[in-house]
Amino acid sequence: MKISRRSFIAAALSLLAWPALADRGFHRHPHGEKKKRLRRARVGKRQIQTHRIRRAVRWDTLRGRRVLVIPKALAPGWELNVDNEVVLVKYVHASRIVVEHKDGSEHILDVLKKNTESNTKELEGTKYSETVVEGVE
């Protein structure tokens, strides 16, 4: 039986590497054992929001044009108190928002996103209808 040089070198290397392969710690993860992430159980009942978020905003002048100073975290569905009139935010863009008045008309307003002391205070908003509250659950 004739052994080639390649077979001989492969057998010699496997004999040399065998003690390392037999070591119990060789097959472990290099950064320690991976642990499964546990999901934390939610404690208590989830509160369902029953009122819209309403914020008071004010007008300001920026480079010669009138802009509304709104909170940075404004989202569709919020109510804004503009000139003692409550409007509903429909869309939020980078420098403009689309609001809907009580009569159903929509207007585009230029805005400046800036948190101020007056627009971060949460006011009592209108109550959601029962159908919306059931859909949230």
Foldseek 3Di string as FASTA:
>chain_A
DDDDPVRVVVVVVCVVCVVLVPDPCNPADPVGHDDDDDDDDDPDDDDQDFFAWEFEWEWDADPHDIAIEAAQPDDFQHWYCYPNAIWGWHADDDFWTWTAGPVGDIDIGGHDHDDDPRGVDTDTGDGDDPVVSVVVD
